[in-house]
Protein backbone atom coordinates (compact mmCIF):
# COMPACT_ATOMS: atom_id res chain seq x y z
CA UNK A 1 0.00 0.00 0.00
CA UNK A 2 1.39 3.43 -1.02
CA UNK A 3 2.33 5.73 1.82
CA UNK A 4 -0.09 8.62 2.33
CA UNK A 5 1.11 12.06 1.33
CA UNK A 6 1.31 14.92 3.81
CA UNK A 7 -1.98 16.85 3.89
CA UNK A 8 -0.22 20.22 3.82
CA UNK A 9 1.78 19.08 0.79
CA UNK A 10 -1.40 17.96 -0.98
CA UNK A 11 -2.96 21.43 -0.61
CA UNK A 12 0.34 23.18 -1.32
CA UNK A 13 0.36 25.20 1.90
CA UNK A 14 2.64 25.61 4.90
CA UNK A 15 1.97 24.16 8.33
CA UNK A 16 1.26 27.67 9.65
CA UNK A 17 -1.47 28.27 7.06
CA UNK A 18 -4.61 30.06 8.25
CA UNK A 19 -8.12 28.74 7.74
CA UNK A 20 -8.58 31.19 4.88
CA UNK A 21 -5.38 29.88 3.25
CA UNK A 22 -6.70 26.32 3.56
CA UNK A 23 -10.07 27.22 2.04
CA UNK A 24 -8.47 29.15 -0.81
CA UNK A 25 -6.10 26.30 -1.67
CA UNK A 26 -8.92 23.78 -1.54
CA UNK A 27 -11.17 25.91 -3.74
CA UNK A 28 -8.55 26.22 -6.46
CA UNK A 29 -7.52 22.55 -6.44
CA UNK A 30 -11.10 21.26 -6.28
CA UNK A 31 -11.98 23.24 -9.38
CA UNK A 32 -8.90 21.93 -11.16
CA UNK A 33 -9.31 18.24 -10.38
CA UNK A 34 -13.08 17.72 -10.28
CA UNK A 35 -13.67 14.61 -12.49
CA UNK A 36 -16.41 16.40 -14.45
CA UNK A 37 -13.83 18.98 -15.55
CA UNK A 38 -10.54 17.07 -15.50
CA UNK A 39 -10.68 13.82 -17.48
CA UNK A 40 -7.15 12.64 -16.71
CA UNK A 41 -7.04 9.02 -15.38
CA UNK A 42 -5.90 10.02 -11.90
CA UNK A 43 -8.19 13.07 -11.53
CA UNK A 44 -10.73 11.36 -9.27
CA UNK A 45 -8.03 9.99 -6.96
CA UNK A 46 -6.42 13.44 -6.74
CA UNK A 47 -9.83 14.96 -6.10
CA UNK A 48 -10.47 12.51 -3.26
CA UNK A 49 -7.02 13.19 -1.81
CA UNK A 50 -7.63 16.96 -1.89
CA UNK A 51 -10.99 16.61 -0.16
CA UNK A 52 -9.62 14.33 2.55
CA UNK A 53 -6.82 16.80 3.27
CA UNK A 54 -9.34 19.64 3.47
CA UNK A 55 -11.65 17.61 5.74
CA UNK A 56 -8.82 17.25 8.27
CA UNK A 57 -7.08 20.62 8.07
CA UNK A 58 -10.29 22.69 8.04
CA UNK A 59 -11.37 21.14 11.36
CA UNK A 60 -9.31 22.57 14.27
CA UNK A 61 -9.64 19.41 16.40
CA UNK A 62 -8.68 17.05 13.58
CA UNK A 63 -5.88 19.36 12.46
CA UNK A 64 -4.42 19.41 15.98
CA UNK A 65 -4.48 15.60 16.11
CA UNK A 66 -2.82 15.40 12.69
CA UNK A 67 -0.14 17.97 13.63
CA UNK A 68 0.71 15.98 16.73
CA UNK A 69 0.48 12.37 15.54
CA UNK A 70 0.43 12.53 11.75
CA UNK A 71 -1.88 10.20 9.83
CA UNK A 72 -2.03 7.84 12.83
CA UNK A 73 -3.88 10.55 14.75
CA UNK A 74 -6.77 10.78 12.28
CA UNK A 75 -6.95 7.33 10.67
CA UNK A 76 -6.66 3.71 11.86
CA UNK A 77 -7.71 1.88 15.02
CA UNK A 78 -6.48 4.54 17.41
CA UNK A 79 -8.47 7.36 15.77
CA UNK A 80 -11.99 8.54 16.54
CA UNK A 81 -12.54 9.54 12.87
CA UNK A 82 -13.61 6.93 10.36
CA UNK A 83 -12.93 7.50 6.64
CA UNK A 84 -14.11 4.05 5.53
CA UNK A 85 -17.22 5.57 3.90
CA UNK A 86 -15.53 8.83 2.89
CA UNK A 87 -17.18 10.50 -0.11
CA UNK A 88 -15.20 13.47 -1.48
CA UNK A 89 -18.17 14.70 -3.52
CA UNK A 90 -20.20 15.32 -0.36
CA UNK A 91 -17.53 17.67 1.01
CA UNK A 92 -17.29 19.42 -2.36
CA UNK A 93 -21.04 19.92 -2.51
CA UNK A 94 -21.23 21.23 1.06
CA UNK A 95 -18.37 23.68 0.48
CA UNK A 96 -19.58 25.10 -2.83
CA UNK A 97 -23.27 24.96 -1.95
CA UNK A 98 -24.89 23.02 -4.82
CA UNK A 99 -25.99 19.47 -5.46
CA UNK A 100 -24.31 16.53 -7.13
CA UNK A 101 -22.64 16.53 -10.53
CA UNK A 102 -23.16 14.06 -13.32
CA UNK A 103 -20.21 12.03 -12.07
CA UNK A 104 -21.99 11.56 -8.75
CA UNK A 105 -24.97 9.64 -10.10
CA UNK A 106 -23.42 6.24 -9.40
CA UNK A 107 -22.69 7.20 -5.79
CA UNK A 108 -26.26 8.23 -5.05
CA UNK A 109 -27.63 4.87 -6.12
CA UNK A 110 -24.74 2.74 -4.85
CA UNK A 111 -25.26 0.33 -1.92
CA UNK A 112 -24.80 1.85 1.52
CA UNK A 113 -24.21 0.07 4.80
CA UNK A 114 -26.93 0.38 7.40
CA UNK A 115 -26.64 2.32 10.63
CA UNK A 116 -24.91 0.81 13.65
CA UNK A 117 -26.86 0.02 16.81
CA UNK A 118 -25.67 0.20 20.40
CA UNK A 119 -27.00 -1.68 23.42
CA UNK A 120 -25.85 -2.43 26.97
CA UNK A 121 -25.51 -5.79 28.72
CA UNK A 122 -24.92 -6.18 32.46
CA UNK A 123 -22.98 -9.24 33.62
CA UNK A 124 -22.23 -10.78 36.98
CA UNK A 125 -18.55 -10.93 37.95
CA UNK A 126 -18.60 -14.68 37.36
CA UNK A 127 -20.09 -14.30 33.87
CA UNK A 128 -17.32 -11.87 32.91
CA UNK A 129 -14.73 -14.33 34.24
CA UNK A 130 -15.99 -17.49 32.55
CA UNK A 131 -17.77 -16.01 29.53
CA UNK A 132 -21.45 -16.53 28.83
CA UNK A 133 -24.07 -16.77 26.09
CA UNK A 134 -26.38 -13.87 26.89
CA UNK A 135 -29.83 -13.31 25.44
CA UNK A 136 -30.51 -9.70 24.54
CA UNK A 137 -33.41 -7.82 22.97
CA UNK A 138 -32.69 -5.21 20.29
CA UNK A 139 -35.07 -2.97 18.38
CA UNK A 140 -34.30 -2.76 14.67
CA UNK A 141 -35.90 -2.79 11.24
CA UNK A 142 -36.79 -6.15 9.73
CA UNK A 143 -38.41 -7.02 6.39
CA UNK A 144 -42.14 -6.44 6.60
CA UNK A 145 -43.86 -9.76 7.19
CA UNK A 146 -46.77 -8.72 4.97
CA UNK A 147 -45.12 -7.36 1.82
CA UNK A 148 -41.76 -9.16 2.28
CA UNK A 149 -39.88 -5.93 1.72
CA UNK A 150 -41.53 -4.76 -1.51
CA UNK A 151 -43.51 -1.98 0.16
CA UNK A 152 -46.56 -2.89 -1.96
CA UNK A 153 -49.85 -4.22 -0.72
CA UNK A 154 -50.01 -7.95 -1.59
CA UNK A 155 -51.68 -8.42 -4.96
CA UNK A 156 -50.53 -5.04 -6.29
CA UNK A 157 -47.33 -4.08 -8.09
CA UNK A 158 -44.95 -1.18 -8.63
CA UNK A 159 -44.45 0.85 -11.78
CA UNK A 160 -41.59 2.87 -13.17
CA UNK A 161 -41.57 6.44 -11.91
CA UNK A 162 -42.73 8.76 -14.69
CA UNK A 163 -40.82 11.74 -13.30
CA UNK A 164 -37.32 10.24 -13.38
CA UNK A 165 -37.90 7.35 -15.79
CA UNK A 166 -36.76 4.84 -13.18
CA UNK A 167 -33.38 6.49 -12.51
CA UNK A 168 -34.29 7.77 -9.07
CA UNK A 169 -32.81 11.17 -9.90
CA UNK A 170 -33.73 14.23 -11.90
CA UNK A 171 -31.15 16.35 -13.72
CA UNK A 172 -30.89 20.01 -14.47
CA UNK A 173 -28.19 21.79 -16.48
CA UNK A 174 -26.65 24.63 -14.53
CA UNK A 175 -23.94 27.13 -15.36
CA UNK A 176 -21.22 27.33 -12.70
CA UNK A 177 -17.65 28.57 -12.41
CA UNK A 178 -16.61 25.12 -13.68
CA UNK A 179 -18.70 25.57 -16.82
CA UNK A 180 -22.00 23.88 -17.66
CA UNK A 181 -22.76 21.26 -15.05
CA UNK A 182 -25.55 18.78 -14.65
CA UNK A 183 -27.08 19.14 -11.20
CA UNK A 184 -28.50 15.87 -9.94
CA UNK A 185 -31.14 15.71 -7.22
CA UNK A 186 -33.19 12.90 -5.76
CA UNK A 187 -36.46 12.44 -7.55
CA UNK A 188 -39.21 14.09 -5.46
CA UNK A 189 -41.85 11.65 -6.71
CA UNK A 190 -40.24 8.30 -5.88
CA UNK A 191 -37.66 9.56 -3.34
CA UNK A 192 -34.86 7.94 -5.32
CA UNK A 193 -36.41 4.46 -5.61
CA UNK A 194 -37.06 4.70 -9.37
CA UNK A 195 -40.38 2.97 -8.85
CA UNK A 196 -43.74 4.10 -7.59
CA UNK A 197 -45.92 1.87 -5.46
CA UNK A 198 -49.51 1.65 -6.71
CA UNK A 199 -50.84 0.82 -3.27
CA UNK A 200 -48.66 0.95 -0.19
CA UNK A 201 -48.55 -2.01 2.18
CA UNK A 202 -51.00 -1.45 5.02
CA UNK A 203 -48.51 -2.79 7.59
CA UNK A 204 -45.31 -0.87 6.77
CA UNK A 205 -46.93 1.94 4.72
CA UNK A 206 -44.57 1.39 1.82
CA UNK A 207 -41.29 1.29 3.76
CA UNK A 208 -40.69 -2.41 3.18
CA UNK A 209 -39.52 -2.68 6.80
CA UNK A 210 -41.18 -2.82 10.15
CA UNK A 211 -39.66 -2.13 13.54
CA UNK A 212 -39.43 -5.22 15.73
CA UNK A 213 -37.90 -6.37 18.99
CA UNK A 214 -35.47 -9.12 18.06
CA UNK A 215 -34.16 -11.65 20.57
CA UNK A 216 -30.51 -12.62 20.01
CA UNK A 217 -28.27 -14.96 21.96
CA UNK A 218 -24.80 -13.49 21.85
CA UNK A 219 -21.52 -15.06 22.98
CA UNK A 220 -19.64 -12.92 25.52
CA UNK A 221 -15.99 -14.05 25.68
CA UNK A 222 -14.28 -14.78 28.99
CA UNK A 223 -12.22 -11.90 30.33
CA UNK A 224 -14.35 -8.91 29.31
CA UNK A 225 -14.12 -5.96 31.67
CA UNK A 226 -16.52 -3.25 32.75
CA UNK A 227 -16.72 -0.80 29.82
CA UNK A 228 -15.61 -3.34 27.19
CA UNK A 229 -17.37 -2.99 23.84
CA UNK A 230 -18.16 -6.10 21.81
CA UNK A 231 -18.90 -5.76 18.07
CA UNK A 232 -21.30 -8.07 16.24
CA UNK A 233 -20.91 -7.52 12.50
CA UNK A 234 -24.08 -7.37 10.41
CA UNK A 235 -26.52 -7.16 13.32
CA UNK A 236 -27.40 -3.47 12.95
CA UNK A 237 -29.92 -1.69 10.75
CA UNK A 238 -30.45 -2.86 7.14
CA UNK A 239 -28.53 -1.10 4.39
CA UNK A 240 -29.97 0.83 1.46
CA UNK A 241 -29.81 -0.07 -2.22
CA UNK A 242 -28.79 -3.61 -1.33
CA UNK A 243 -26.04 -2.55 1.07
CA UNK A 244 -25.09 -4.71 4.08
CA UNK A 245 -26.49 -4.30 7.55
CA UNK A 246 -24.66 -2.13 10.04
CA UNK A 247 -23.01 -3.52 13.16
CA UNK A 248 -24.28 -4.01 16.68
CA UNK A 249 -22.05 -2.68 19.47
CA UNK A 250 -22.61 -4.11 22.93
CA UNK A 251 -21.29 -2.16 25.91
CA UNK A 252 -20.48 -4.41 28.87
CA UNK A 253 -21.27 -3.48 32.46
CA UNK A 254 -19.99 -5.82 35.20
CA UNK A 255 -21.51 -5.96 38.67
CA UNK A 256 -19.02 -5.87 41.57
CA UNK A 257 -18.26 -9.09 43.47
CA UNK A 258 -18.79 -9.55 47.18
CA UNK A 259 -15.14 -10.50 47.84
CA UNK A 260 -13.07 -10.08 44.70
CA UNK A 261 -11.86 -6.94 42.96
CA UNK A 262 -10.31 -6.60 39.54
CA UNK A 263 -7.15 -4.79 38.36
CA UNK A 264 -6.75 -5.27 34.60
CA UNK A 265 -6.52 -9.09 34.30
CA UNK A 266 -5.60 -9.74 37.95
CA UNK A 267 -8.04 -10.53 40.76
CA UNK A 268 -7.46 -8.97 44.18
CA UNK A 269 -8.64 -10.59 47.40
CA UNK A 270 -8.26 -9.13 50.90
CA UNK A 271 -7.69 -12.02 53.35
CA UNK A 272 -7.97 -11.60 57.11
CA UNK A 273 -5.88 -13.85 59.35
CA UNK A 274 -5.47 -13.78 63.12
CA UNK A 275 -2.28 -12.95 65.00
CA UNK A 276 -1.47 -16.56 65.81
CA UNK A 277 -1.71 -17.58 62.15
CA UNK A 278 0.51 -14.66 61.21
CA UNK A 279 3.05 -15.39 63.92
CA UNK A 280 3.16 -19.18 63.71
CA UNK A 281 2.23 -19.72 60.06
CA UNK A 282 -0.74 -21.72 58.82
CA UNK A 283 -2.31 -23.37 55.78
CA UNK A 284 -5.32 -21.24 54.82
CA UNK A 285 -8.13 -22.21 52.46
CA UNK A 286 -8.48 -19.35 49.97
CA UNK A 287 -11.41 -18.89 47.55
CA UNK A 288 -10.64 -18.40 43.86
CA UNK A 289 -12.93 -18.13 40.86
CA UNK A 290 -12.05 -21.74 40.02
CA UNK A 291 -12.74 -23.08 43.53
CA UNK A 292 -10.94 -23.15 46.86
CA UNK A 293 -7.18 -23.62 47.05
CA UNK A 294 -4.75 -23.90 49.97
CA UNK A 295 -2.31 -21.06 50.64
CA UNK A 296 0.64 -21.65 52.97
CA UNK A 297 1.18 -18.63 55.20
CA UNK A 298 4.76 -18.61 56.55
CA UNK A 299 5.44 -17.67 60.15
CA UNK A 300 6.06 -14.00 60.74
CA UNK A 301 3.72 -12.82 57.97
CA UNK A 302 2.93 -9.11 58.27
CA UNK A 303 -0.13 -7.09 57.30
CA UNK A 304 0.16 -5.96 53.70
CA UNK A 305 2.01 -9.06 52.54
CA UNK A 306 0.82 -10.04 49.07
CA UNK A 307 0.78 -13.62 47.80
CA UNK A 308 0.43 -14.28 44.07
CA UNK A 309 -1.57 -17.25 42.79
CA UNK A 310 -0.38 -17.70 39.21
CA UNK A 311 -2.97 -18.13 36.47
CA UNK A 312 -5.95 -17.62 38.78
CA UNK A 313 -6.97 -14.31 37.22
CA UNK A 314 -9.00 -13.33 34.17
CA UNK A 315 -8.34 -14.68 30.69
CA UNK A 316 -6.99 -12.24 28.14
CA UNK A 317 -9.78 -11.74 25.61
CA UNK A 318 -7.55 -12.04 22.54
CA UNK A 319 -4.97 -14.57 23.75
CA UNK A 320 -4.52 -17.65 25.91
CA UNK A 321 -2.77 -15.71 28.68
CA UNK A 322 -4.27 -15.35 32.13
CA UNK A 323 -3.83 -12.91 34.96
CA UNK A 324 -3.07 -13.85 38.57
CA UNK A 325 -4.91 -13.67 41.86
CA UNK A 326 -3.28 -11.41 44.43
CA UNK A 327 -4.05 -12.28 48.04
CA UNK A 328 -3.47 -9.27 50.30
CA UNK A 329 -2.99 -10.22 53.96
CA UNK A 330 -4.56 -8.23 56.78
CA UNK A 331 -3.62 -9.38 60.29
CA UNK A 332 -6.61 -8.87 62.55
CA UNK A 333 -5.91 -7.58 66.05
CA UNK A 334 -8.64 -8.70 68.45
CA UNK A 335 -10.60 -5.81 69.94
CA UNK A 336 -11.76 -7.77 72.98
CA UNK A 337 -9.90 -10.47 74.89
CA UNK A 338 -11.09 -13.02 77.37
CA UNK A 339 -9.29 -13.18 80.73
CA UNK A 340 -7.32 -16.23 79.62
CA UNK A 341 -6.34 -14.60 76.32
CA UNK A 342 -5.18 -11.44 78.07
CA UNK A 343 -2.99 -13.45 80.45
CA UNK A 344 -1.43 -15.27 77.49
CA UNK A 345 -0.72 -12.01 75.66
CA UNK A 346 0.78 -10.51 78.81
CA UNK A 347 3.11 -13.49 79.13
CA UNK A 348 4.02 -13.13 75.45
CA UNK A 349 4.63 -9.41 75.88
CA UNK A 350 7.25 -10.08 78.54
CA UNK A 351 9.33 -12.01 76.01
CA UNK A 352 9.06 -9.47 73.17
CA UNK A 353 10.86 -6.22 72.48
CA UNK A 354 8.66 -3.50 73.97
CA UNK A 355 10.23 -0.60 72.07
CA UNK A 356 8.44 0.77 69.00
CA UNK A 357 10.43 1.04 65.74
CA UNK A 358 9.57 3.19 62.72
CA UNK A 359 8.45 1.23 59.70
CA UNK A 360 10.64 1.58 56.62
CA UNK A 361 7.76 1.40 54.19
CA UNK A 362 4.03 1.71 54.72
CA UNK A 363 1.53 -0.93 53.74
CA UNK A 364 0.32 1.26 50.86
CA UNK A 365 3.88 1.69 49.54
CA UNK A 366 4.47 -2.07 49.63
CA UNK A 367 1.17 -2.72 47.88
CA UNK A 368 2.06 -0.23 45.13
CA UNK A 369 5.37 -2.01 44.56
CA UNK A 370 3.62 -5.36 44.19
CA UNK A 371 0.91 -4.00 41.88
CA UNK A 372 3.32 -2.04 39.77
CA UNK A 373 2.44 1.45 40.97
């Protein structure tokens, strides 16, 4: 694939050009390379290139992103601007203030992808961990069950539009700065269909589609996080002129768990142990998302100590890797002691160093080190 040219170079302006400079350069080049005026083989590609450059540089936000990141800032996966359906003639028409040219007839009647739909699904923590097939309800257009998409009442037919002769467009010769141009507009009689319905379907009133609630069972992969967006291709609104359906985007919400927390692909668990377990060591049964496991607590374990259970975290959505489970120890100090317990602690106190020592690092600092900041 050929490397994209610099937008400033395409318009023949400097990077400090004003908005008026950008508009002036675009106006001159658009006149020169419009395919209805310039019949050179590469005229349409140059015209598209000029319009794309103008679309970016005439918008302050897009221009700032381009100045900072280049083409990566305005195109590709990391960009919020999508040029996949970019039509240079639309920009030209908006800028100069008149309708389509003769060269734009094919574009008006060409297939167009349907609109995208967005919905939200709420999952339990466990469903996000293991993955789940979730049934959702979406509202979208479906072929009318009465007319099967024709728009005509059953038993009737359509006829060719007399106004446009079945082309879906009407043309008018107009004198412009580019010379005599054919202005093309959508036929007002058939609204661009090229055919006129004798009697509209009583159910859809001639649309050919009816709005329905559709039940879909969708697979949610293991490892999705709160805020993740899942795309289902071809599950959006129907296209026009035979174009494909749009996509369905599903935003994932995940309910919090009673015990576990999530940090990226790791699971965090706060585990309380008593002073004797911390001092003497113990084997503790620890819950994980895959069932209980035994964790050996060594003697002398302090509050804030973090134990890592490898591979017990969330699956990576696009790989076979898994996160870990981090068990964060909290040594519980009893608030109330029985008489016997107090006597035992008093005996223990006599054998321990009674002087207080400053701690080198706080619990929070240690936790940050373990969790990578």
